[in-house]
Amino acid sequence: MAEFQWWLLIVGLVTGGVIVAIVTMDTSRRDVDVPDAERAAEASFIAAQLAADGRPLDREAVASVLEAHRAYLGLLPPDAIVPVEDGWAPQPARAELAGPDLAGADQPSAGDRHPDDEPDDVGYGRS
């Protein structure tokens, strides 16, 4: 009888894991999931929607914006979002300091996330 209880425990754990995996699964499509042929159809759809809302924009302009968006998503996440004249702009991610020789020590450390482009005196691993 004890073996049967162990099997119930194992089956319950596996079933629970499967249920959690299904519930937390993200099935939304990402930008890389859209093929180039569908991208043209998406640009036409968006241009038609904008024209229906009274904001006409041609399909080529929408396609170029979608391509720029795909390129942006391929970049590393920005270190910070900084204010600019007409809104906000991402500050490009900096390469991490490489090894003990501290190549690129004039760059801020990984802990310095301030958008002022001035490295704070954090020691760069030196005491």
N, C-alpha and C. Protein backbone atom coordinates (compact mmCIF):
# COMPACT_ATOMS: atom_id res chain seq x y z
N MET A 1 0.82 -1.19 0.00
CA MET A 1 0.00 0.00 0.00
C MET A 1 0.87 1.27 0.00
N ALA A 2 2.06 1.21 0.62
CA ALA A 2 2.93 2.38 0.69
C ALA A 2 3.45 2.77 -0.69
N GLU A 3 3.70 1.75 -1.58
CA GLU A 3 4.18 2.08 -2.92
C GLU A 3 3.12 2.86 -3.69
N PHE A 4 1.86 2.52 -3.50
CA PHE A 4 0.78 3.20 -4.19
C PHE A 4 0.72 4.68 -3.78
N GLN A 5 0.97 4.98 -2.53
CA GLN A 5 0.96 6.36 -2.07
C GLN A 5 2.12 7.16 -2.68
N TRP A 6 3.28 6.53 -2.85
CA TRP A 6 4.40 7.20 -3.48
C TRP A 6 4.08 7.53 -4.94
N TRP A 7 3.43 6.60 -5.64
CA TRP A 7 3.05 6.85 -7.02
C TRP A 7 2.05 8.00 -7.10
N LEU A 8 1.13 8.07 -6.18
CA LEU A 8 0.18 9.18 -6.16
C LEU A 8 0.91 10.51 -5.94
N LEU A 9 1.89 10.53 -5.07
CA LEU A 9 2.66 11.74 -4.83
C LEU A 9 3.41 12.17 -6.09
N ILE A 10 4.05 11.22 -6.76
CA ILE A 10 4.81 11.54 -7.98
C ILE A 10 3.87 12.04 -9.08
N VAL A 11 2.76 11.35 -9.28
CA VAL A 11 1.79 11.75 -10.30
C VAL A 11 1.21 13.13 -9.97
N GLY A 12 0.96 13.40 -8.71
CA GLY A 12 0.44 14.70 -8.30
C GLY A 12 1.44 15.81 -8.54
N LEU A 13 2.71 15.57 -8.25
CA LEU A 13 3.74 16.58 -8.49
C LEU A 13 3.90 16.87 -9.98
N VAL A 14 3.92 15.83 -10.79
CA VAL A 14 4.06 16.02 -12.24
C VAL A 14 2.84 16.76 -12.79
N THR A 15 1.66 16.34 -12.36
CA THR A 15 0.44 17.01 -12.83
C THR A 15 0.42 18.47 -12.40
N GLY A 16 0.80 18.75 -11.18
CA GLY A 16 0.86 20.14 -10.71
C GLY A 16 1.86 20.96 -11.50
N GLY A 17 3.01 20.37 -11.81
CA GLY A 17 4.02 21.07 -12.61
C GLY A 17 3.52 21.39 -14.00
N VAL A 18 2.80 20.44 -14.60
CA VAL A 18 2.24 20.67 -15.94
C VAL A 18 1.19 21.78 -15.90
N ILE A 19 0.35 21.77 -14.88
CA ILE A 19 -0.69 22.80 -14.76
C ILE A 19 -0.05 24.18 -14.57
N VAL A 20 0.96 24.28 -13.74
CA VAL A 20 1.66 25.56 -13.53
C VAL A 20 2.31 26.02 -14.83
N ALA A 21 2.93 25.09 -15.58
CA ALA A 21 3.56 25.45 -16.84
C ALA A 21 2.54 25.97 -17.84
N ILE A 22 1.38 25.35 -17.90
CA ILE A 22 0.35 25.78 -18.85
C ILE A 22 -0.21 27.15 -18.45
N VAL A 23 -0.43 27.35 -17.17
CA VAL A 23 -1.02 28.61 -16.71
C VAL A 23 -0.04 29.78 -16.92
N THR A 24 1.24 29.56 -16.72
CA THR A 24 2.21 30.65 -16.84
C THR A 24 2.79 30.77 -18.24
N MET A 25 2.35 29.96 -19.20
CA MET A 25 2.87 29.99 -20.55
C MET A 25 2.49 31.29 -21.25
N ASP A 26 3.45 31.86 -21.96
CA ASP A 26 3.21 33.09 -22.72
C ASP A 26 3.12 32.70 -24.20
N THR A 27 1.94 32.81 -24.76
CA THR A 27 1.74 32.40 -26.15
C THR A 27 1.67 33.59 -27.10
N SER A 28 1.95 34.80 -26.61
CA SER A 28 1.90 35.96 -27.50
C SER A 28 3.07 35.91 -28.48
N ARG A 29 2.83 36.44 -29.67
CA ARG A 29 3.88 36.45 -30.69
C ARG A 29 4.84 37.59 -30.42
N ARG A 30 6.08 37.36 -30.76
CA ARG A 30 7.11 38.38 -30.62
C ARG A 30 7.49 38.90 -32.00
N ASP A 31 8.26 39.95 -32.03
CA ASP A 31 8.62 40.57 -33.30
C ASP A 31 9.41 39.62 -34.19
N VAL A 32 10.23 38.76 -33.61
CA VAL A 32 11.01 37.82 -34.41
C VAL A 32 10.14 36.71 -34.99
N ASP A 33 8.93 36.54 -34.47
CA ASP A 33 8.03 35.51 -34.97
C ASP A 33 7.30 35.93 -36.25
N VAL A 34 7.38 37.20 -36.61
CA VAL A 34 6.66 37.71 -37.78
C VAL A 34 7.60 37.65 -38.98
N PRO A 35 7.27 36.83 -40.00
CA PRO A 35 8.12 36.75 -41.19
C PRO A 35 8.01 38.02 -42.04
N ASP A 36 8.97 38.19 -42.95
CA ASP A 36 9.01 39.41 -43.76
C ASP A 36 7.75 39.57 -44.62
N ALA A 37 7.21 38.46 -45.14
CA ALA A 37 5.99 38.56 -45.96
C ALA A 37 4.82 39.08 -45.13
N GLU A 38 4.73 38.64 -43.89
CA GLU A 38 3.65 39.12 -43.03
C GLU A 38 3.90 40.55 -42.58
N ARG A 39 5.16 40.97 -42.53
CA ARG A 39 5.48 42.34 -42.14
C ARG A 39 4.87 43.34 -43.12
N ALA A 40 4.89 43.02 -44.42
CA ALA A 40 4.28 43.90 -45.42
C ALA A 40 2.78 43.99 -45.21
N ALA A 41 2.15 42.85 -44.91
CA ALA A 41 0.71 42.86 -44.65
C ALA A 41 0.41 43.64 -43.37
N GLU A 42 1.27 43.52 -42.37
CA GLU A 42 1.09 44.27 -41.13
C GLU A 42 1.19 45.78 -41.38
N ALA A 43 2.15 46.17 -42.23
CA ALA A 43 2.29 47.60 -42.56
C ALA A 43 1.06 48.12 -43.27
N SER A 44 0.50 47.33 -44.18
CA SER A 44 -0.74 47.74 -44.87
C SER A 44 -1.90 47.85 -43.89
N PHE A 45 -2.01 46.90 -42.98
CA PHE A 45 -3.07 46.91 -41.97
C PHE A 45 -2.97 48.15 -41.09
N ILE A 46 -1.77 48.45 -40.61
CA ILE A 46 -1.57 49.60 -39.72
C ILE A 46 -1.84 50.90 -40.47
N ALA A 47 -1.39 50.99 -41.74
CA ALA A 47 -1.65 52.19 -42.53
C ALA A 47 -3.15 52.40 -42.73
N ALA A 48 -3.89 51.32 -42.97
CA ALA A 48 -5.34 51.42 -43.14
C ALA A 48 -6.01 51.84 -41.83
N GLN A 49 -5.55 51.31 -40.70
CA GLN A 49 -6.12 51.68 -39.41
C GLN A 49 -5.87 53.15 -39.10
N LEU A 50 -4.66 53.62 -39.39
CA LEU A 50 -4.34 55.03 -39.15
C LEU A 50 -5.16 55.94 -40.06
N ALA A 51 -5.35 55.53 -41.32
CA ALA A 51 -6.16 56.33 -42.24
C ALA A 51 -7.61 56.38 -41.78
N ALA A 52 -8.12 55.27 -41.23
CA ALA A 52 -9.49 55.25 -40.73
C ALA A 52 -9.65 56.16 -39.51
N ASP A 53 -8.57 56.34 -38.75
CA ASP A 53 -8.60 57.21 -37.58
C ASP A 53 -8.32 58.67 -37.93
N GLY A 54 -8.15 58.96 -39.23
CA GLY A 54 -7.91 60.33 -39.65
C GLY A 54 -6.45 60.73 -39.61
N ARG A 55 -5.55 59.76 -39.50
CA ARG A 55 -4.11 60.04 -39.49
C ARG A 55 -3.46 59.26 -40.62
N PRO A 56 -3.65 59.69 -41.87
CA PRO A 56 -3.14 58.92 -43.00
C PRO A 56 -1.62 58.85 -43.01
N LEU A 57 -1.11 57.66 -43.29
CA LEU A 57 0.32 57.41 -43.38
C LEU A 57 0.49 56.31 -44.41
N ASP A 58 1.44 56.46 -45.33
CA ASP A 58 1.57 55.45 -46.37
C ASP A 58 2.22 54.18 -45.84
N ARG A 59 2.01 53.09 -46.58
CA ARG A 59 2.46 51.78 -46.15
C ARG A 59 3.98 51.71 -46.05
N GLU A 60 4.70 52.40 -46.94
CA GLU A 60 6.17 52.36 -46.91
C GLU A 60 6.72 52.99 -45.63
N ALA A 61 6.09 54.08 -45.19
CA ALA A 61 6.53 54.73 -43.95
C ALA A 61 6.28 53.81 -42.74
N VAL A 62 5.13 53.17 -42.74
CA VAL A 62 4.83 52.25 -41.64
C VAL A 62 5.80 51.08 -41.66
N ALA A 63 6.11 50.56 -42.86
CA ALA A 63 7.05 49.43 -42.97
C ALA A 63 8.43 49.83 -42.46
N SER A 64 8.87 51.05 -42.75
CA SER A 64 10.18 51.48 -42.26
C SER A 64 10.19 51.65 -40.74
N VAL A 65 9.07 52.10 -40.18
CA VAL A 65 8.98 52.22 -38.72
C VAL A 65 9.01 50.82 -38.09
N LEU A 66 8.31 49.87 -38.69
CA LEU A 66 8.31 48.50 -38.15
C LEU A 66 9.71 47.88 -38.24
N GLU A 67 10.43 48.16 -39.32
CA GLU A 67 11.79 47.65 -39.46
C GLU A 67 12.72 48.29 -38.42
N ALA A 68 12.55 49.60 -38.20
CA ALA A 68 13.35 50.27 -37.16
C ALA A 68 13.03 49.71 -35.78
N HIS A 69 11.77 49.39 -35.55
CA HIS A 69 11.37 48.80 -34.27
C HIS A 69 12.00 47.43 -34.09
N ARG A 70 12.04 46.64 -35.16
CA ARG A 70 12.67 45.31 -35.08
C ARG A 70 14.16 45.45 -34.77
N ALA A 71 14.82 46.43 -35.39
CA ALA A 71 16.24 46.66 -35.13
C ALA A 71 16.46 47.12 -33.69
N TYR A 72 15.57 47.97 -33.18
CA TYR A 72 15.69 48.45 -31.79
C TYR A 72 15.56 47.30 -30.81
N LEU A 73 14.63 46.39 -31.06
CA LEU A 73 14.45 45.26 -30.15
C LEU A 73 15.63 44.31 -30.19
N GLY A 74 16.44 44.35 -31.24
CA GLY A 74 17.62 43.51 -31.32
C GLY A 74 18.81 44.06 -30.54
N LEU A 75 18.72 45.29 -30.06
CA LEU A 75 19.81 45.91 -29.30
C LEU A 75 19.78 45.44 -27.84
N LEU A 76 20.87 45.68 -27.14
CA LEU A 76 20.89 45.44 -25.70
C LEU A 76 19.95 46.41 -25.01
N PRO A 77 19.39 46.04 -23.88
CA PRO A 77 18.54 46.99 -23.15
C PRO A 77 19.36 48.22 -22.74
N PRO A 78 18.75 49.40 -22.75
CA PRO A 78 19.49 50.61 -22.39
C PRO A 78 19.81 50.65 -20.90
N ASP A 79 20.88 51.39 -20.58
CA ASP A 79 21.24 51.57 -19.17
C ASP A 79 20.25 52.49 -18.47
N ALA A 80 19.75 53.47 -19.18
CA ALA A 80 18.83 54.44 -18.59
C ALA A 80 18.01 55.09 -19.69
N ILE A 81 16.91 55.70 -19.31
CA ILE A 81 16.10 56.49 -20.22
C ILE A 81 16.29 57.95 -19.79
N VAL A 82 16.80 58.77 -20.71
CA VAL A 82 17.15 60.15 -20.36
C VAL A 82 16.24 61.12 -21.11
N PRO A 83 15.93 62.27 -20.49
CA PRO A 83 15.10 63.25 -21.18
C PRO A 83 15.87 63.95 -22.29
N VAL A 84 15.18 64.21 -23.40
CA VAL A 84 15.74 64.98 -24.51
C VAL A 84 14.71 66.07 -24.86
N GLU A 85 15.00 66.89 -25.84
CA GLU A 85 14.13 68.02 -26.16
C GLU A 85 12.70 67.62 -26.46
N ASP A 86 12.52 66.57 -27.26
CA ASP A 86 11.17 66.21 -27.71
C ASP A 86 10.67 64.92 -27.08
N GLY A 87 11.08 64.61 -25.88
CA GLY A 87 10.57 63.41 -25.20
C GLY A 87 11.65 62.71 -24.39
N TRP A 88 11.77 61.42 -24.61
CA TRP A 88 12.72 60.60 -23.87
C TRP A 88 13.53 59.78 -24.86
N ALA A 89 14.75 59.42 -24.49
CA ALA A 89 15.61 58.62 -25.35
C ALA A 89 16.36 57.61 -24.50
N PRO A 90 16.58 56.41 -25.03
CA PRO A 90 17.37 55.43 -24.27
C PRO A 90 18.85 55.77 -24.33
N GLN A 91 19.52 55.57 -23.20
CA GLN A 91 20.97 55.72 -23.19
C GLN A 91 21.54 54.36 -23.53
N PRO A 92 22.44 54.26 -24.52
CA PRO A 92 22.93 52.95 -24.93
C PRO A 92 23.60 52.20 -23.79
N ALA A 93 23.49 50.88 -23.85
CA ALA A 93 24.13 50.03 -22.85
C ALA A 93 25.64 50.09 -23.05
N ARG A 94 26.36 50.13 -21.96
CA ARG A 94 27.81 50.16 -22.02
C ARG A 94 28.34 48.73 -21.84
N ALA A 95 29.48 48.48 -22.46
CA ALA A 95 30.11 47.17 -22.29
C ALA A 95 30.64 47.06 -20.87
N GLU A 96 30.51 45.87 -20.34
CA GLU A 96 31.02 45.64 -18.98
C GLU A 96 32.54 45.73 -18.99
N LEU A 97 33.14 46.12 -17.88
CA LEU A 97 34.59 46.19 -17.77
C LEU A 97 35.16 44.79 -17.92
N ALA A 98 36.23 44.67 -18.67
CA ALA A 98 36.78 43.36 -19.00
C ALA A 98 38.02 43.07 -18.17
N GLY A 99 37.94 42.06 -17.35
CA GLY A 99 39.08 41.51 -16.66
C GLY A 99 39.76 42.43 -15.67
N PRO A 100 40.85 41.94 -15.09
CA PRO A 100 41.55 42.70 -14.06
C PRO A 100 42.36 43.87 -14.61
N ASP A 101 42.63 43.90 -15.93
CA ASP A 101 43.40 45.01 -16.47
C ASP A 101 42.56 46.27 -16.60
N LEU A 102 41.26 46.15 -16.40
CA LEU A 102 40.32 47.27 -16.42
C LEU A 102 40.37 48.04 -17.73
N ALA A 103 40.38 47.29 -18.83
CA ALA A 103 40.31 47.94 -20.13
C ALA A 103 39.02 48.74 -20.20
N GLY A 104 39.11 49.96 -20.64
CA GLY A 104 37.95 50.83 -20.69
C GLY A 104 37.58 51.39 -19.33
N ALA A 105 38.59 51.63 -18.47
CA ALA A 105 38.31 52.09 -17.11
C ALA A 105 37.74 53.50 -17.08
N ASP A 106 37.77 54.21 -18.22
CA ASP A 106 37.18 55.54 -18.24
C ASP A 106 35.66 55.47 -18.35
N GLN A 107 35.11 54.28 -18.56
CA GLN A 107 33.67 54.10 -18.62
C GLN A 107 33.13 53.84 -17.22
N PRO A 108 31.87 54.20 -16.98
CA PRO A 108 31.28 53.92 -15.66
C PRO A 108 31.23 52.43 -15.40
N SER A 109 31.29 52.08 -14.14
CA SER A 109 31.22 50.67 -13.78
C SER A 109 29.80 50.16 -13.97
N ALA A 110 29.63 48.85 -13.82
CA ALA A 110 28.30 48.26 -13.98
C ALA A 110 27.33 48.80 -12.94
N GLY A 111 27.84 49.27 -11.81
CA GLY A 111 26.98 49.79 -10.76
C GLY A 111 26.62 51.25 -10.94
N ASP A 112 27.30 51.96 -11.85
CA ASP A 112 27.05 53.37 -12.07
C ASP A 112 26.04 53.52 -13.19
N ARG A 113 24.78 53.69 -12.84
CA ARG A 113 23.72 53.76 -13.84
C ARG A 113 23.19 55.17 -14.03
N HIS A 114 23.98 56.19 -13.71
CA HIS A 114 23.53 57.56 -13.84
C HIS A 114 23.66 58.01 -15.28
N PRO A 115 22.67 58.75 -15.80
CA PRO A 115 22.70 59.14 -17.20
C PRO A 115 23.56 60.37 -17.48
N ASP A 116 24.40 60.80 -16.53
CA ASP A 116 25.18 62.01 -16.75
C ASP A 116 26.46 61.77 -17.52
N ASP A 117 26.74 60.53 -17.91
CA ASP A 117 27.93 60.13 -18.66
C ASP A 117 29.23 60.44 -17.93
N GLU A 118 29.16 60.76 -16.67
CA GLU A 118 30.35 60.98 -15.87
C GLU A 118 30.50 59.82 -14.90
N PRO A 119 31.61 59.08 -14.97
CA PRO A 119 31.77 57.96 -14.05
C PRO A 119 31.96 58.46 -12.62
N ASP A 120 31.19 57.88 -11.71
CA ASP A 120 31.38 58.20 -10.31
C ASP A 120 32.60 57.45 -9.81
N ASP A 121 33.20 57.95 -8.75
CA ASP A 121 34.38 57.30 -8.20
C ASP A 121 33.94 56.07 -7.41
N VAL A 122 33.82 54.95 -8.10
CA VAL A 122 33.40 53.73 -7.44
C VAL A 122 34.56 52.77 -7.25
N GLY A 123 35.76 53.17 -7.65
CA GLY A 123 36.94 52.37 -7.37
C GLY A 123 37.34 51.41 -8.47
N TYR A 124 36.43 51.01 -9.32
CA TYR A 124 36.73 50.08 -10.39
C TYR A 124 37.46 48.83 -9.89
N GLY A 125 37.07 48.34 -8.75
CA GLY A 125 37.64 47.11 -8.21
C GLY A 125 38.93 47.32 -7.45
N ARG A 126 39.43 48.53 -7.41
CA ARG A 126 40.65 48.81 -6.66
C ARG A 126 40.28 49.38 -5.31
N SER A 127 41.12 49.14 -4.34
CA SER A 127 40.83 49.66 -3.00
C SER A 127 41.39 51.04 -2.81
